[in-house]
């Protein structure tokens, strides 16, 4: 019986690791740029104090998180929602029953 042994070069694994690390760095840089922009939006919004504190806490949590984490996208969307809601803006209410019908 003949045993066939294959030599698998270690180079492809190394290339995959390098590509993965490169991708992670690129994503982290993109996330950093987005986080600065998100922080500016948060600072310029008219959030109530409690809402601002919650959004800031989540943004800090996002900054510590890996860009490739699935949870990062969820937290980012959550903080963006805080910045996009019309805080402090209200439309005049019409309390006329006749017009409501």
C-alpha atoms as a PDB file:
ATOM      1  CA  UNK A   1       0.000   0.000   0.000  1.00  0.00           C
ATOM      2  CA  UNK A   2       1.351   3.376  -0.962  1.00  0.00           C
ATOM      3  CA  UNK A   3       0.728   6.354   1.283  1.00  0.00           C
ATOM      4  CA  UNK A   4       0.446   9.654  -0.498  1.00  0.00           C
ATOM      5  CA  UNK A   5       1.426  12.661   1.514  1.00  0.00           C
ATOM      6  CA  UNK A   6       0.536  16.085   0.354  1.00  0.00           C
ATOM      7  CA  UNK A   7       2.536  19.088   1.281  1.00  0.00           C
ATOM      8  CA  UNK A   8       0.312  22.035   1.817  1.00  0.00           C
ATOM      9  CA  UNK A   9       2.240  25.266   1.733  1.00  0.00           C
ATOM     10  CA  UNK A  10       1.773  27.537   4.697  1.00  0.00           C
ATOM     11  CA  UNK A  11       1.819  30.605   2.468  1.00  0.00           C
ATOM     12  CA  UNK A  12      -1.910  30.594   1.560  1.00  0.00           C
ATOM     13  CA  UNK A  13      -2.884  30.546   5.237  1.00  0.00           C
ATOM     14  CA  UNK A  14      -0.545  33.422   5.891  1.00  0.00           C
ATOM     15  CA  UNK A  15      -2.063  35.381   3.003  1.00  0.00           C
ATOM     16  CA  UNK A  16      -5.545  34.799   4.361  1.00  0.00           C
ATOM     17  CA  UNK A  17      -4.490  36.013   7.783  1.00  0.00           C
ATOM     18  CA  UNK A  18      -2.881  39.108   6.262  1.00  0.00           C
ATOM     19  CA  UNK A  19      -6.013  39.804   4.234  1.00  0.00           C
ATOM     20  CA  UNK A  20      -8.179  39.393   7.326  1.00  0.00           C
ATOM     21  CA  UNK A  21      -5.998  41.734   9.374  1.00  0.00           C
ATOM     22  CA  UNK A  22      -5.946  44.264   6.540  1.00  0.00           C
ATOM     23  CA  UNK A  23      -9.727  44.128   6.267  1.00  0.00           C
ATOM     24  CA  UNK A  24     -10.125  44.561  10.023  1.00  0.00           C
ATOM     25  CA  UNK A  25      -7.830  47.609  10.034  1.00  0.00           C
ATOM     26  CA  UNK A  26      -9.653  49.160   7.092  1.00  0.00           C
ATOM     27  CA  UNK A  27     -13.032  48.621   8.752  1.00  0.00           C
ATOM     28  CA  UNK A  28     -11.733  50.067  12.031  1.00  0.00           C
ATOM     29  CA  UNK A  29     -10.494  53.206  10.219  1.00  0.00           C
ATOM     30  CA  UNK A  30     -13.843  53.610   8.448  1.00  0.00           C
ATOM     31  CA  UNK A  31     -15.652  53.147  11.729  1.00  0.00           C
ATOM     32  CA  UNK A  32     -13.426  55.766  13.357  1.00  0.00           C
ATOM     33  CA  UNK A  33     -14.302  58.328  10.687  1.00  0.00           C
ATOM     34  CA  UNK A  34     -17.986  57.501  10.986  1.00  0.00           C
ATOM     35  CA  UNK A  35     -17.840  57.744  14.760  1.00  0.00           C
ATOM     36  CA  UNK A  36     -16.376  61.251  14.625  1.00  0.00           C
ATOM     37  CA  UNK A  37     -19.179  62.321  12.301  1.00  0.00           C
ATOM     38  CA  UNK A  38     -21.746  60.625  14.516  1.00  0.00           C
ATOM     39  CA  UNK A  39     -20.322  62.353  17.608  1.00  0.00           C
ATOM     40  CA  UNK A  40     -20.617  65.735  15.833  1.00  0.00           C
ATOM     41  CA  UNK A  41     -24.238  65.013  14.908  1.00  0.00           C
ATOM     42  CA  UNK A  42     -24.942  64.005  18.483  1.00  0.00           C
ATOM     43  CA  UNK A  43     -23.345  67.166  19.874  1.00  0.00           C
ATOM     44  CA  UNK A  44     -25.273  69.401  17.456  1.00  0.00           C
ATOM     45  CA  UNK A  45     -28.657  67.783  18.047  1.00  0.00           C
ATOM     46  CA  UNK A  46     -31.212  69.089  20.521  1.00  0.00           C
ATOM     47  CA  UNK A  47     -31.531  65.908  22.550  1.00  0.00           C
ATOM     48  CA  UNK A  48     -32.908  66.006  26.071  1.00  0.00           C
ATOM     49  CA  UNK A  49     -30.221  65.357  28.680  1.00  0.00           C
ATOM     50  CA  UNK A  50     -31.287  61.792  29.401  1.00  0.00           C
ATOM     51  CA  UNK A  51     -31.415  60.852  25.700  1.00  0.00           C
ATOM     52  CA  UNK A  52     -28.011  62.460  25.101  1.00  0.00           C
ATOM     53  CA  UNK A  53     -26.500  60.480  27.984  1.00  0.00           C
ATOM     54  CA  UNK A  54     -27.897  57.197  26.646  1.00  0.00           C
ATOM     55  CA  UNK A  55     -26.695  57.899  23.097  1.00  0.00           C
ATOM     56  CA  UNK A  56     -23.239  58.971  24.332  1.00  0.00           C
ATOM     57  CA  UNK A  57     -22.905  55.813  26.399  1.00  0.00           C
ATOM     58  CA  UNK A  58     -23.771  53.661  23.377  1.00  0.00           C
ATOM     59  CA  UNK A  59     -21.367  55.623  21.177  1.00  0.00           C
ATOM     60  CA  UNK A  60     -18.545  55.041  23.665  1.00  0.00           C
ATOM     61  CA  UNK A  61     -19.421  51.359  23.683  1.00  0.00           C
ATOM     62  CA  UNK A  62     -19.272  51.360  19.883  1.00  0.00           C
ATOM     63  CA  UNK A  63     -15.837  52.997  19.929  1.00  0.00           C
ATOM     64  CA  UNK A  64     -14.451  50.154  22.051  1.00  0.00           C
ATOM     65  CA  UNK A  65     -16.010  47.504  19.831  1.00  0.00           C
ATOM     66  CA  UNK A  66     -14.473  45.784  16.827  1.00  0.00           C
ATOM     67  CA  UNK A  67     -15.687  47.121  13.504  1.00  0.00           C
ATOM     68  CA  UNK A  68     -16.376  43.578  12.331  1.00  0.00           C
ATOM     69  CA  UNK A  69     -18.680  42.810  15.239  1.00  0.00           C
ATOM     70  CA  UNK A  70     -22.283  42.227  14.151  1.00  0.00           C
ATOM     71  CA  UNK A  71     -23.450  44.224  17.157  1.00  0.00           C
ATOM     72  CA  UNK A  72     -21.536  47.288  15.916  1.00  0.00           C
ATOM     73  CA  UNK A  73     -24.016  47.865  13.098  1.00  0.00           C
ATOM     74  CA  UNK A  74     -26.961  47.629  15.449  1.00  0.00           C
ATOM     75  CA  UNK A  75     -25.497  50.099  17.942  1.00  0.00           C
ATOM     76  CA  UNK A  76     -24.522  52.480  15.141  1.00  0.00           C
ATOM     77  CA  UNK A  77     -28.085  52.453  13.783  1.00  0.00           C
ATOM     78  CA  UNK A  78     -29.436  53.004  17.292  1.00  0.00           C
ATOM     79  CA  UNK A  79     -27.254  56.074  17.867  1.00  0.00           C
ATOM     80  CA  UNK A  80     -28.062  57.406  14.382  1.00  0.00           C
ATOM     81  CA  UNK A  81     -31.750  57.157  15.247  1.00  0.00           C
ATOM     82  CA  UNK A  82     -31.153  59.449  18.225  1.00  0.00           C
ATOM     83  CA  UNK A  83     -29.560  62.053  15.941  1.00  0.00           C
ATOM     84  CA  UNK A  84     -32.284  61.861  13.291  1.00  0.00           C
ATOM     85  CA  UNK A  85     -35.352  62.166  15.505  1.00  0.00           C
ATOM     86  CA  UNK A  86     -36.863  65.680  15.595  1.00  0.00           C
ATOM     87  CA  UNK A  87     -36.078  66.485  19.227  1.00  0.00           C
ATOM     88  CA  UNK A  88     -37.557  69.787  20.350  1.00  0.00           C
ATOM     89  CA  UNK A  89     -39.617  70.207  17.178  1.00  0.00           C
ATOM     90  CA  UNK A  90     -43.366  69.914  17.360  1.00  0.00           C
ATOM     91  CA  UNK A  91     -46.160  70.663  14.964  1.00  0.00           C
ATOM     92  CA  UNK A  92     -49.109  72.715  16.154  1.00  0.00           C
ATOM     93  CA  UNK A  93     -51.954  70.531  17.357  1.00  0.00           C
ATOM     94  CA  UNK A  94     -55.439  71.027  16.050  1.00  0.00           C
ATOM     95  CA  UNK A  95     -57.914  70.159  18.728  1.00  0.00           C
ATOM     96  CA  UNK A  96     -61.005  70.947  16.680  1.00  0.00           C
ATOM     97  CA  UNK A  97     -63.378  67.960  16.723  1.00  0.00           C
ATOM     98  CA  UNK A  98     -65.200  69.148  13.604  1.00  0.00           C
ATOM     99  CA  UNK A  99     -61.964  69.207  11.569  1.00  0.00           C
ATOM    100  CA  UNK A 100     -60.977  65.798  12.895  1.00  0.00           C
ATOM    101  CA  UNK A 101     -64.077  64.189  11.337  1.00  0.00           C
END
